[in-house]
């Protein structure tokens, strides 16, 4: 009976931790997704599009898995903290964070898509 119980506990622990090795790769890919969204935002240079690119970057990164979600969280929070210390408005930062959370939690980034933004973004 003790052997059976030990085997069951071992199976549960190993099963829960079986994906730990994917985390660093997911985080790196998530960071690349965030960087790509930033580059697209700069390339598009479209008025009122920053919330869309915030949501899209977080959405793409979070779809990578827990590592991508973690990377999106760290990058988004770090960016807002740095920009907040540069005198940017609290309301704009809060709106950015709303878009970040929306995308990171699986919400469709197109909710924030500005009218007329080219389809390739």
N, C-alpha and C. Protein backbone atom coordinates (compact mmCIF):
# COMPACT_ATOMS: atom_id res chain seq x y z
N UNK A 1 0.82 -1.19 0.00
CA UNK A 1 0.00 0.00 0.00
C UNK A 1 0.86 1.26 0.00
N UNK A 2 1.94 1.26 0.82
CA UNK A 2 2.82 2.42 0.86
C UNK A 2 3.52 2.62 -0.47
N UNK A 3 3.89 1.54 -1.12
CA UNK A 3 4.54 1.63 -2.42
C UNK A 3 3.59 2.20 -3.46
N UNK A 4 2.35 1.78 -3.42
CA UNK A 4 1.34 2.30 -4.35
C UNK A 4 1.12 3.80 -4.13
N UNK A 5 1.01 4.20 -2.87
CA UNK A 5 0.82 5.60 -2.55
C UNK A 5 2.03 6.44 -2.98
N UNK A 6 3.24 5.93 -2.73
CA UNK A 6 4.46 6.64 -3.14
C UNK A 6 4.50 6.76 -4.66
N UNK A 7 4.11 5.72 -5.36
CA UNK A 7 4.09 5.77 -6.83
C UNK A 7 3.09 6.79 -7.35
N UNK A 8 1.93 6.86 -6.71
CA UNK A 8 0.92 7.83 -7.11
C UNK A 8 1.40 9.26 -6.89
N UNK A 9 2.01 9.52 -5.73
CA UNK A 9 2.53 10.86 -5.44
C UNK A 9 3.64 11.22 -6.42
N UNK A 10 4.53 10.29 -6.69
CA UNK A 10 5.61 10.53 -7.64
C UNK A 10 5.06 10.85 -9.03
N UNK A 11 4.06 10.13 -9.45
CA UNK A 11 3.44 10.37 -10.76
C UNK A 11 2.82 11.77 -10.82
N UNK A 12 2.14 12.16 -9.75
CA UNK A 12 1.53 13.49 -9.73
C UNK A 12 2.58 14.59 -9.74
N UNK A 13 3.64 14.42 -8.98
CA UNK A 13 4.69 15.44 -8.92
C UNK A 13 5.40 15.56 -10.26
N UNK A 14 5.77 14.43 -10.84
CA UNK A 14 6.47 14.44 -12.13
C UNK A 14 5.56 15.01 -13.21
N UNK A 15 4.30 14.64 -13.20
CA UNK A 15 3.36 15.15 -14.20
C UNK A 15 3.18 16.64 -14.11
N UNK A 16 3.15 17.16 -12.88
CA UNK A 16 2.98 18.60 -12.70
C UNK A 16 4.23 19.38 -13.11
N UNK A 17 5.39 18.79 -12.97
CA UNK A 17 6.64 19.48 -13.26
C UNK A 17 7.24 19.10 -14.60
N UNK A 18 6.53 18.31 -15.39
CA UNK A 18 7.09 17.77 -16.61
C UNK A 18 7.41 18.83 -17.66
N UNK A 19 6.79 19.97 -17.60
CA UNK A 19 6.97 20.98 -18.64
C UNK A 19 7.93 22.09 -18.23
N UNK A 20 8.60 21.99 -17.11
CA UNK A 20 9.47 23.05 -16.62
C UNK A 20 10.56 23.43 -17.60
N UNK A 21 11.04 22.48 -18.38
CA UNK A 21 12.14 22.73 -19.31
C UNK A 21 11.73 23.59 -20.49
N UNK A 22 10.44 23.74 -20.72
CA UNK A 22 9.96 24.58 -21.83
C UNK A 22 9.92 26.06 -21.49
N UNK A 23 9.89 26.37 -20.20
CA UNK A 23 9.71 27.75 -19.74
C UNK A 23 10.72 28.73 -20.34
N UNK A 24 12.03 28.43 -20.32
CA UNK A 24 12.99 29.41 -20.88
C UNK A 24 12.78 29.67 -22.38
N UNK A 25 12.48 28.63 -23.13
CA UNK A 25 12.23 28.82 -24.56
C UNK A 25 10.98 29.62 -24.82
N UNK A 26 9.93 29.33 -24.06
CA UNK A 26 8.69 30.09 -24.19
C UNK A 26 8.92 31.56 -23.85
N UNK A 27 9.72 31.80 -22.80
CA UNK A 27 10.01 33.17 -22.40
C UNK A 27 10.77 33.91 -23.49
N UNK A 28 11.75 33.24 -24.09
CA UNK A 28 12.53 33.87 -25.17
C UNK A 28 11.65 34.16 -26.38
N UNK A 29 10.80 33.21 -26.74
CA UNK A 29 9.89 33.43 -27.87
C UNK A 29 8.88 34.52 -27.56
N UNK A 30 8.40 34.56 -26.31
CA UNK A 30 7.47 35.61 -25.91
C UNK A 30 8.11 36.99 -25.98
N UNK A 31 9.37 37.07 -25.57
CA UNK A 31 10.09 38.34 -25.67
C UNK A 31 10.23 38.77 -27.13
N UNK A 32 10.46 37.80 -28.02
CA UNK A 32 10.54 38.12 -29.45
C UNK A 32 9.20 38.61 -29.97
N UNK A 33 8.11 38.01 -29.50
CA UNK A 33 6.77 38.48 -29.89
C UNK A 33 6.54 39.92 -29.46
N UNK A 34 6.98 40.23 -28.25
CA UNK A 34 6.83 41.60 -27.76
C UNK A 34 7.67 42.56 -28.60
N UNK A 35 8.88 42.17 -28.92
CA UNK A 35 9.77 43.01 -29.73
C UNK A 35 9.19 43.20 -31.13
N UNK A 36 8.60 42.15 -31.70
CA UNK A 36 8.01 42.25 -33.04
C UNK A 36 6.83 43.23 -33.02
N UNK A 37 6.01 43.16 -31.99
CA UNK A 37 4.87 44.09 -31.89
C UNK A 37 5.37 45.53 -31.76
N UNK A 38 6.44 45.73 -31.00
CA UNK A 38 7.02 47.06 -30.86
C UNK A 38 7.55 47.55 -32.20
N UNK A 39 8.25 46.69 -32.92
CA UNK A 39 8.78 47.06 -34.24
C UNK A 39 7.67 47.38 -35.22
N UNK A 40 6.60 46.58 -35.19
CA UNK A 40 5.45 46.85 -36.06
C UNK A 40 4.79 48.18 -35.73
N UNK A 41 4.73 48.49 -34.44
CA UNK A 41 4.14 49.77 -34.04
C UNK A 41 4.96 50.93 -34.58
N UNK A 42 6.28 50.82 -34.47
CA UNK A 42 7.16 51.87 -34.99
C UNK A 42 7.06 51.96 -36.51
N UNK A 43 7.00 50.80 -37.15
CA UNK A 43 6.92 50.76 -38.61
C UNK A 43 5.59 51.33 -39.11
N UNK A 44 4.50 50.98 -38.44
CA UNK A 44 3.18 51.46 -38.86
C UNK A 44 3.05 52.97 -38.68
N UNK A 45 3.61 53.47 -37.56
CA UNK A 45 3.54 54.90 -37.27
C UNK A 45 2.11 55.42 -37.46
N UNK A 46 1.15 54.70 -36.87
CA UNK A 46 -0.26 54.99 -37.04
C UNK A 46 -0.82 55.62 -35.78
N UNK A 47 -1.54 56.70 -35.96
CA UNK A 47 -2.10 57.43 -34.82
C UNK A 47 -3.06 56.53 -34.03
N UNK A 48 -2.95 56.59 -32.70
CA UNK A 48 -3.82 55.86 -31.77
C UNK A 48 -3.74 54.34 -31.92
N UNK A 49 -2.59 53.83 -32.33
CA UNK A 49 -2.46 52.38 -32.51
C UNK A 49 -1.70 51.70 -31.38
N UNK A 50 -1.16 52.46 -30.43
CA UNK A 50 -0.29 51.84 -29.43
C UNK A 50 -1.02 50.81 -28.57
N UNK A 51 -2.28 51.04 -28.23
CA UNK A 51 -3.03 50.06 -27.41
C UNK A 51 -3.19 48.75 -28.16
N UNK A 52 -3.43 48.82 -29.46
CA UNK A 52 -3.55 47.61 -30.27
C UNK A 52 -2.25 46.81 -30.23
N UNK A 53 -1.13 47.48 -30.40
CA UNK A 53 0.16 46.77 -30.41
C UNK A 53 0.52 46.25 -29.01
N UNK A 54 0.11 46.95 -27.97
CA UNK A 54 0.28 46.43 -26.61
C UNK A 54 -0.48 45.11 -26.47
N UNK A 55 -1.76 45.15 -26.85
CA UNK A 55 -2.60 43.95 -26.72
C UNK A 55 -2.07 42.82 -27.59
N UNK A 56 -1.66 43.13 -28.81
CA UNK A 56 -1.19 42.09 -29.72
C UNK A 56 0.10 41.45 -29.23
N UNK A 57 1.04 42.24 -28.77
CA UNK A 57 2.30 41.69 -28.27
C UNK A 57 2.07 40.78 -27.08
N UNK A 58 1.23 41.21 -26.14
CA UNK A 58 0.93 40.38 -24.98
C UNK A 58 0.16 39.13 -25.36
N UNK A 59 -0.75 39.25 -26.30
CA UNK A 59 -1.54 38.10 -26.76
C UNK A 59 -0.63 37.05 -27.39
N UNK A 60 0.22 37.49 -28.31
CA UNK A 60 1.12 36.55 -28.99
C UNK A 60 2.08 35.89 -28.01
N UNK A 61 2.63 36.66 -27.09
CA UNK A 61 3.59 36.12 -26.12
C UNK A 61 2.91 35.11 -25.19
N UNK A 62 1.73 35.46 -24.69
CA UNK A 62 1.03 34.58 -23.74
C UNK A 62 0.62 33.26 -24.39
N UNK A 63 0.39 33.27 -25.68
CA UNK A 63 0.01 32.02 -26.37
C UNK A 63 1.16 31.03 -26.43
N UNK A 64 2.37 31.47 -26.14
CA UNK A 64 3.54 30.58 -26.12
C UNK A 64 3.50 29.63 -24.93
N UNK A 65 2.81 30.02 -23.87
CA UNK A 65 2.76 29.21 -22.66
C UNK A 65 3.14 30.05 -21.45
N UNK A 66 3.34 29.39 -20.31
CA UNK A 66 3.66 30.13 -19.08
C UNK A 66 4.90 31.00 -19.20
N UNK A 67 5.91 30.55 -19.90
CA UNK A 67 7.12 31.36 -20.08
C UNK A 67 6.85 32.61 -20.88
N UNK A 68 6.06 32.50 -21.93
CA UNK A 68 5.71 33.66 -22.74
C UNK A 68 4.85 34.65 -21.98
N UNK A 69 3.94 34.12 -21.19
CA UNK A 69 3.09 34.97 -20.36
C UNK A 69 3.95 35.73 -19.34
N UNK A 70 4.90 35.03 -18.74
CA UNK A 70 5.80 35.67 -17.78
C UNK A 70 6.60 36.78 -18.46
N UNK A 71 7.15 36.50 -19.64
CA UNK A 71 7.94 37.51 -20.36
C UNK A 71 7.09 38.74 -20.69
N UNK A 72 5.85 38.50 -21.14
CA UNK A 72 4.96 39.61 -21.46
C UNK A 72 4.67 40.46 -20.22
N UNK A 73 4.47 39.81 -19.09
CA UNK A 73 4.19 40.52 -17.85
C UNK A 73 5.39 41.37 -17.43
N UNK A 74 6.56 40.77 -17.44
CA UNK A 74 7.78 41.49 -17.01
C UNK A 74 8.08 42.65 -17.95
N UNK A 75 8.00 42.41 -19.24
CA UNK A 75 8.31 43.47 -20.22
C UNK A 75 7.28 44.60 -20.14
N UNK A 76 6.00 44.24 -20.08
CA UNK A 76 4.95 45.27 -20.02
C UNK A 76 5.04 46.11 -18.75
N UNK A 77 5.19 45.44 -17.62
CA UNK A 77 5.27 46.18 -16.35
C UNK A 77 6.53 47.03 -16.28
N UNK A 78 7.64 46.49 -16.77
CA UNK A 78 8.88 47.26 -16.79
C UNK A 78 8.79 48.48 -17.67
N UNK A 79 8.19 48.30 -18.82
CA UNK A 79 8.03 49.42 -19.76
C UNK A 79 7.16 50.52 -19.16
N UNK A 80 6.06 50.13 -18.55
CA UNK A 80 5.17 51.13 -17.95
C UNK A 80 5.82 51.81 -16.76
N UNK A 81 6.62 51.07 -15.99
CA UNK A 81 7.31 51.67 -14.85
C UNK A 81 8.32 52.71 -15.32
N UNK A 82 9.07 52.37 -16.36
CA UNK A 82 10.08 53.31 -16.90
C UNK A 82 9.40 54.53 -17.50
N UNK A 83 8.36 54.31 -18.29
CA UNK A 83 7.69 55.44 -18.91
C UNK A 83 6.94 56.29 -17.89
N UNK A 84 6.46 55.65 -16.83
CA UNK A 84 5.79 56.40 -15.77
C UNK A 84 6.74 57.34 -15.05
N UNK A 85 7.99 56.91 -14.91
CA UNK A 85 8.97 57.75 -14.23
C UNK A 85 9.46 58.89 -15.13
N UNK A 86 9.14 58.82 -16.41
CA UNK A 86 9.53 59.88 -17.34
C UNK A 86 8.47 60.97 -17.45
N UNK A 87 7.47 60.93 -16.58
CA UNK A 87 6.46 61.98 -16.57
C UNK A 87 5.27 61.73 -17.47
N UNK A 88 5.15 60.52 -18.00
CA UNK A 88 3.99 60.19 -18.82
C UNK A 88 2.74 60.16 -17.95
N UNK A 89 1.61 60.46 -18.50
CA UNK A 89 0.37 60.51 -17.74
C UNK A 89 -0.05 59.18 -17.15
N UNK A 90 -0.61 59.23 -15.95
CA UNK A 90 -1.09 58.03 -15.28
C UNK A 90 -2.23 57.38 -16.06
N UNK A 91 -3.09 58.20 -16.65
CA UNK A 91 -4.24 57.67 -17.40
C UNK A 91 -3.78 56.88 -18.61
N UNK A 92 -2.76 57.39 -19.31
CA UNK A 92 -2.25 56.69 -20.49
C UNK A 92 -1.60 55.36 -20.10
N UNK A 93 -0.87 55.38 -19.01
CA UNK A 93 -0.23 54.16 -18.52
C UNK A 93 -1.28 53.14 -18.10
N UNK A 94 -2.33 53.59 -17.45
CA UNK A 94 -3.41 52.69 -17.04
C UNK A 94 -4.11 52.09 -18.26
N UNK A 95 -4.30 52.89 -19.31
CA UNK A 95 -4.92 52.39 -20.54
C UNK A 95 -4.00 51.37 -21.22
N UNK A 96 -2.70 51.62 -21.21
CA UNK A 96 -1.74 50.65 -21.76
C UNK A 96 -1.83 49.34 -20.99
N UNK A 97 -1.88 49.42 -19.66
CA UNK A 97 -1.94 48.21 -18.85
C UNK A 97 -3.24 47.45 -19.08
N UNK A 98 -4.32 48.18 -19.33
CA UNK A 98 -5.60 47.52 -19.64
C UNK A 98 -5.46 46.71 -20.93
N UNK A 99 -4.83 47.30 -21.93
CA UNK A 99 -4.60 46.59 -23.19
C UNK A 99 -3.65 45.41 -22.99
N UNK A 100 -2.62 45.60 -22.16
CA UNK A 100 -1.68 44.52 -21.86
C UNK A 100 -2.41 43.33 -21.24
N UNK A 101 -3.21 43.61 -20.21
CA UNK A 101 -3.95 42.53 -19.53
C UNK A 101 -4.94 41.86 -20.48
N UNK A 102 -5.61 42.66 -21.29
CA UNK A 102 -6.59 42.11 -22.23
C UNK A 102 -5.91 41.09 -23.15
N UNK A 103 -4.82 41.47 -23.76
CA UNK A 103 -4.12 40.55 -24.66
C UNK A 103 -3.52 39.36 -23.93
N UNK A 104 -2.93 39.59 -22.79
CA UNK A 104 -2.28 38.52 -22.03
C UNK A 104 -3.29 37.48 -21.55
N UNK A 105 -4.53 37.89 -21.33
CA UNK A 105 -5.57 36.98 -20.86
C UNK A 105 -6.37 36.38 -22.01
N UNK A 106 -5.87 36.50 -23.23
CA UNK A 106 -6.50 35.85 -24.38
C UNK A 106 -7.54 36.66 -25.10
N UNK A 107 -7.69 37.93 -24.74
CA UNK A 107 -8.65 38.79 -25.43
C UNK A 107 -8.16 39.14 -26.83
N UNK A 108 -9.09 39.31 -27.74
CA UNK A 108 -8.76 39.63 -29.13
C UNK A 108 -8.16 41.03 -29.21
N UNK A 109 -6.90 41.13 -29.69
CA UNK A 109 -6.25 42.45 -29.79
C UNK A 109 -6.99 43.41 -30.70
N UNK A 110 -7.79 42.90 -31.62
CA UNK A 110 -8.50 43.77 -32.56
C UNK A 110 -9.51 44.68 -31.87
N UNK A 111 -9.80 44.42 -30.61
CA UNK A 111 -10.67 45.32 -29.84
C UNK A 111 -10.06 46.72 -29.80
N UNK A 112 -8.73 46.80 -29.83
CA UNK A 112 -8.03 48.08 -29.74
C UNK A 112 -7.51 48.55 -31.11
N UNK A 113 -7.85 47.85 -32.17
CA UNK A 113 -7.34 48.18 -33.50
C UNK A 113 -7.95 49.50 -33.99
N UNK A 114 -7.12 50.46 -34.34
CA UNK A 114 -7.66 51.73 -34.85
C UNK A 114 -8.18 51.56 -36.28
N UNK A 115 -9.16 52.34 -36.60
CA UNK A 115 -9.75 52.28 -37.94
C UNK A 115 -8.71 52.68 -38.98
N UNK A 116 -8.61 51.89 -40.04
CA UNK A 116 -7.73 52.21 -41.15
C UNK A 116 -6.33 51.65 -41.04
N UNK A 117 -5.99 51.03 -39.91
CA UNK A 117 -4.65 50.43 -39.77
C UNK A 117 -4.51 49.34 -40.83
N UNK A 118 -3.43 49.37 -41.61
CA UNK A 118 -3.26 48.38 -42.67
C UNK A 118 -3.38 46.94 -42.16
N UNK A 119 -3.92 46.06 -42.99
CA UNK A 119 -4.19 44.67 -42.61
C UNK A 119 -2.94 43.88 -42.27
N UNK A 120 -1.77 44.28 -42.76
CA UNK A 120 -0.56 43.50 -42.49
C UNK A 120 -0.10 43.62 -41.05
N UNK A 121 -0.78 44.41 -40.23
CA UNK A 121 -0.43 44.54 -38.81
C UNK A 121 -1.43 43.84 -37.95
